[in-house]
Amino acid sequence: ALVGAVGERTPVAAGAVRGEVATMAATMFDFSRAGPGYYLLFELIGVLLLAAVVGAVVLAKRNLDSPPPEIPAEEHH
């Protein structure tokens, strides 16, 4: 079913795709007061992702610096 759906798609003109990308970029990075302010969300998401990466590195480094836990030997009766 999926192969049939993919095979039946109609091709899109390259100019139409380029126009959609340009429109999206103009809307996303509109710095005017009347603009939607999406660039602020873009920047905020970038800062949050950076904080997540830094936090993951700190947590991983802390686990590398600690000695491995000692596992007690099993006693045989």
Foldseek 3Di string as FASTA:
>chain_A
DVVVVVVPDDDDDPVVVVVVVVVVVCLQPVPDPPGPPNVVVVVVVVVVVVVVVVVVVVVVVVVVPDDDDDDDDDDDD
